[in-house]
Every structure is written in C-alpha cells, then in structure tokens.
Amino acid sequence: MSSIKILENQKYTTMEKDSLFYMANLYPEIGRMFSYFDSGKNEACANAQKRALGIVDQILSFKDVKPAGREEWNVIKNFILGYDKLDLYERRILEKYAEPFSYKFMKQYVG
C-alpha cells in the first residue's frame, strides 16, 4: 500500500504546472497575506503579497487564459496591489476568488 502512495506522490511532484496549479496556489497565498496583515507582520505580509503577484503574473503568462479571464485576473492583481486599502466587501472577494480553483485542482490531481 505504501508503494502506491509513493507512486501517487511521484506523479504529483513531476506533473506539469499549468494555469490551474497556479490559480489553486493563489488561494493560500492570499490567506497568508491577510493573516500577516492582521497580525501586523509587515515584512511577512509584503513577502506574501510579492509571491501572490508573482502567481498572478504566472497565470497571465498562460495562453489558455481567455481575454475575459485576463481582465478578471488583472482586477485581482490590482486588489492584491492595494490589499491594505480594501474595504471588508472587497477583501472578502479577494480572499474567496481563488478558492474554487483550489478545490478543482485537488479533485483533478489528488483525488
């Protein structure tokens, strides 16, 4: 049974990182950014913001993202850039935006 897990784990680590991979990874990064922000950990928050912006740039580099999707991702990028100026409603939008991608990724690649 453990050999099956090793094979599954090898498959996971050698898979191609597509746009869905990055979309799914944005969700926890945004969570970390706001967690650090709320805790007053400014340097850690800035680092999380930088990583989140890098993830969005990576997403925008994929050709499978359609023009309407690109517009949405640019809005999300602007939200991340100004995360500290968002009202509660805008913050909630940003916090939840990438959540469905995370679930889809987990279902597709892990489950």
C-alpha atoms as a PDB file:
ATOM      1  CA  MET A   1       0.000   0.000   0.000  1.00  0.00           C
ATOM      2  CA  SER A   2       2.824   2.433   0.745  1.00  0.00           C
ATOM      3  CA  SER A   3       4.263   1.846  -2.739  1.00  0.00           C
ATOM      4  CA  ILE A   4       1.020   3.165  -4.219  1.00  0.00           C
ATOM      5  CA  LYS A   5       1.339   6.321  -2.176  1.00  0.00           C
ATOM      6  CA  ILE A   6       4.922   6.745  -3.346  1.00  0.00           C
ATOM      7  CA  LEU A   7       3.825   6.416  -6.974  1.00  0.00           C
ATOM      8  CA  GLU A   8       1.000   8.899  -6.423  1.00  0.00           C
ATOM      9  CA  ASN A   9       3.424  11.244  -4.733  1.00  0.00           C
ATOM     10  CA  GLN A  10       5.902  10.928  -7.614  1.00  0.00           C
ATOM     11  CA  LYS A  11       3.115  11.690 -10.078  1.00  0.00           C
ATOM     12  CA  TYR A  12       2.238  14.787  -8.104  1.00  0.00           C
ATOM     13  CA  THR A  13       5.774  16.115  -7.912  1.00  0.00           C
ATOM     14  CA  THR A  14       6.512  15.535 -11.613  1.00  0.00           C
ATOM     15  CA  MET A  15       3.258  16.930 -13.001  1.00  0.00           C
ATOM     16  CA  GLU A  16       3.260  19.896 -15.320  1.00  0.00           C
ATOM     17  CA  LYS A  17       2.438  23.157 -13.588  1.00  0.00           C
ATOM     18  CA  ASP A  18      -0.438  24.563 -15.616  1.00  0.00           C
ATOM     19  CA  SER A  19      -2.592  27.642 -15.020  1.00  0.00           C
ATOM     20  CA  LEU A  20      -4.894  25.690 -12.681  1.00  0.00           C
ATOM     21  CA  PHE A  21      -1.905  24.795 -10.484  1.00  0.00           C
ATOM     22  CA  TYR A  22      -1.068  28.475 -10.019  1.00  0.00           C
ATOM     23  CA  MET A  23      -4.706  29.521  -9.605  1.00  0.00           C
ATOM     24  CA  ALA A  24      -5.071  26.943  -6.831  1.00  0.00           C
ATOM     25  CA  ASN A  25      -1.895  28.141  -5.126  1.00  0.00           C
ATOM     26  CA  LEU A  26      -3.055  31.741  -5.074  1.00  0.00           C
ATOM     27  CA  TYR A  27      -5.797  30.946  -2.550  1.00  0.00           C
ATOM     28  CA  PRO A  28      -3.498  30.073   0.390  1.00  0.00           C
ATOM     29  CA  GLU A  29      -1.047  32.837  -0.500  1.00  0.00           C
ATOM     30  CA  ILE A  30      -3.766  35.457  -0.241  1.00  0.00           C
ATOM     31  CA  GLY A  31      -4.815  33.900   3.060  1.00  0.00           C
ATOM     32  CA  ARG A  32      -1.254  34.194   4.354  1.00  0.00           C
ATOM     33  CA  MET A  33      -1.041  37.797   3.177  1.00  0.00           C
ATOM     34  CA  PHE A  34      -4.129  38.810   5.139  1.00  0.00           C
ATOM     35  CA  SER A  35      -3.134  36.743   8.159  1.00  0.00           C
ATOM     36  CA  TYR A  36       0.201  38.562   8.317  1.00  0.00           C
ATOM     37  CA  PHE A  37      -1.512  41.901   7.666  1.00  0.00           C
ATOM     38  CA  ASP A  38      -3.976  41.347  10.522  1.00  0.00           C
ATOM     39  CA  SER A  39      -1.097  40.337  12.828  1.00  0.00           C
ATOM     40  CA  GLY A  40       0.951  43.414  11.995  1.00  0.00           C
ATOM     41  CA  LYS A  41       3.747  41.323  10.459  1.00  0.00           C
ATOM     42  CA  ASN A  42       4.557  43.833   7.752  1.00  0.00           C
ATOM     43  CA  GLU A  43       7.614  42.185   6.218  1.00  0.00           C
ATOM     44  CA  ALA A  44       5.957  38.757   6.017  1.00  0.00           C
ATOM     45  CA  CYS A  45       2.849  40.410   4.562  1.00  0.00           C
ATOM     46  CA  ALA A  46       4.907  42.190   1.894  1.00  0.00           C
ATOM     47  CA  ASN A  47       6.609  38.905   1.006  1.00  0.00           C
ATOM     48  CA  ALA A  48       3.244  37.134   0.696  1.00  0.00           C
ATOM     49  CA  GLN A  49       1.969  39.983  -1.472  1.00  0.00           C
ATOM     50  CA  LYS A  50       5.039  39.672  -3.709  1.00  0.00           C
ATOM     51  CA  ARG A  51       4.503  35.901  -4.054  1.00  0.00           C
ATOM     52  CA  ALA A  52       0.794  36.414  -4.804  1.00  0.00           C
ATOM     53  CA  LEU A  53       1.615  38.965  -7.504  1.00  0.00           C
ATOM     54  CA  GLY A  54       4.152  36.534  -8.974  1.00  0.00           C
ATOM     55  CA  ILE A  55       1.493  33.828  -9.075  1.00  0.00           C
ATOM     56  CA  VAL A  56      -0.930  36.131 -10.903  1.00  0.00           C
ATOM     57  CA  ASP A  57       1.790  37.071 -13.387  1.00  0.00           C
ATOM     58  CA  GLN A  58       2.450  33.374 -13.943  1.00  0.00           C
ATOM     59  CA  ILE A  59      -1.280  32.772 -14.543  1.00  0.00           C
ATOM     60  CA  LEU A  60      -1.383  35.620 -17.053  1.00  0.00           C
ATOM     61  CA  SER A  61       1.557  34.082 -18.932  1.00  0.00           C
ATOM     62  CA  PHE A  62      -0.505  31.025 -19.929  1.00  0.00           C
ATOM     63  CA  LYS A  63      -2.204  31.092 -23.313  1.00  0.00           C
ATOM     64  CA  ASP A  64      -5.213  29.080 -22.046  1.00  0.00           C
ATOM     65  CA  VAL A  65      -6.475  32.094 -20.075  1.00  0.00           C
ATOM     66  CA  LYS A  66      -9.145  33.730 -22.226  1.00  0.00           C
ATOM     67  CA  PRO A  67      -9.409  37.533 -22.680  1.00  0.00           C
ATOM     68  CA  ALA A  68     -12.289  37.881 -20.204  1.00  0.00           C
ATOM     69  CA  GLY A  69     -10.303  35.806 -17.727  1.00  0.00           C
ATOM     70  CA  ARG A  70      -7.300  38.050 -18.221  1.00  0.00           C
ATOM     71  CA  GLU A  71      -9.428  41.065 -17.307  1.00  0.00           C
ATOM     72  CA  GLU A  72     -10.567  39.325 -14.131  1.00  0.00           C
ATOM     73  CA  TRP A  73      -7.027  38.346 -13.184  1.00  0.00           C
ATOM     74  CA  ASN A  74      -5.871  41.931 -13.731  1.00  0.00           C
ATOM     75  CA  VAL A  75      -8.592  43.118 -11.350  1.00  0.00           C
ATOM     76  CA  ILE A  76      -7.417  40.539  -8.809  1.00  0.00           C
ATOM     77  CA  LYS A  77      -3.855  41.769  -9.311  1.00  0.00           C
ATOM     78  CA  ASN A  78      -4.991  45.328  -8.555  1.00  0.00           C
ATOM     79  CA  PHE A  79      -6.777  44.101  -5.420  1.00  0.00           C
ATOM     80  CA  ILE A  80      -3.545  42.421  -4.286  1.00  0.00           C
ATOM     81  CA  LEU A  81      -1.532  45.566  -5.019  1.00  0.00           C
ATOM     82  CA  GLY A  82      -3.890  47.612  -2.826  1.00  0.00           C
ATOM     83  CA  TYR A  83      -4.814  44.900  -0.309  1.00  0.00           C
ATOM     84  CA  ASP A  84      -4.349  47.295   2.618  1.00  0.00           C
ATOM     85  CA  LYS A  85      -6.892  49.749   1.203  1.00  0.00           C
ATOM     86  CA  LEU A  86      -9.715  47.271   0.558  1.00  0.00           C
ATOM     87  CA  ASP A  87     -12.988  47.560   2.413  1.00  0.00           C
ATOM     88  CA  LEU A  88     -14.418  44.419   4.022  1.00  0.00           C
ATOM     89  CA  TYR A  89     -16.518  43.521   0.967  1.00  0.00           C
ATOM     90  CA  GLU A  90     -13.572  43.832  -1.439  1.00  0.00           C
ATOM     91  CA  ARG A  91     -11.321  41.920   0.913  1.00  0.00           C
ATOM     92  CA  ARG A  92     -13.830  39.060   1.067  1.00  0.00           C
ATOM     93  CA  ILE A  93     -13.953  38.953  -2.746  1.00  0.00           C
ATOM     94  CA  LEU A  94     -10.162  38.723  -2.917  1.00  0.00           C
ATOM     95  CA  GLU A  95      -9.975  36.111  -0.155  1.00  0.00           C
ATOM     96  CA  LYS A  96     -12.540  33.866  -1.850  1.00  0.00           C
ATOM     97  CA  TYR A  97     -11.733  34.404  -5.540  1.00  0.00           C
ATOM     98  CA  ALA A  98      -9.211  31.576  -5.969  1.00  0.00           C
ATOM     99  CA  GLU A  99     -10.920  29.124  -3.602  1.00  0.00           C
ATOM    100  CA  PRO A 100     -12.855  27.210  -6.322  1.00  0.00           C
ATOM    101  CA  PHE A 101      -9.632  26.697  -8.298  1.00  0.00           C
ATOM    102  CA  SER A 102      -8.047  25.136  -5.244  1.00  0.00           C
ATOM    103  CA  TYR A 103     -10.898  22.647  -4.903  1.00  0.00           C
ATOM    104  CA  LYS A 104     -10.859  21.862  -8.623  1.00  0.00           C
ATOM    105  CA  PHE A 105      -7.118  21.267  -8.545  1.00  0.00           C
ATOM    106  CA  MET A 106      -7.355  18.965  -5.548  1.00  0.00           C
ATOM    107  CA  LYS A 107     -10.161  16.991  -7.176  1.00  0.00           C
ATOM    108  CA  GLN A 108      -8.342  16.720 -10.513  1.00  0.00           C
ATOM    109  CA  TYR A 109      -4.813  15.910  -9.351  1.00  0.00           C
ATOM    110  CA  VAL A 110      -5.051  14.419  -5.887  1.00  0.00           C
ATOM    111  CA  GLY A 111      -8.434  12.755  -5.712  1.00  0.00           C
END
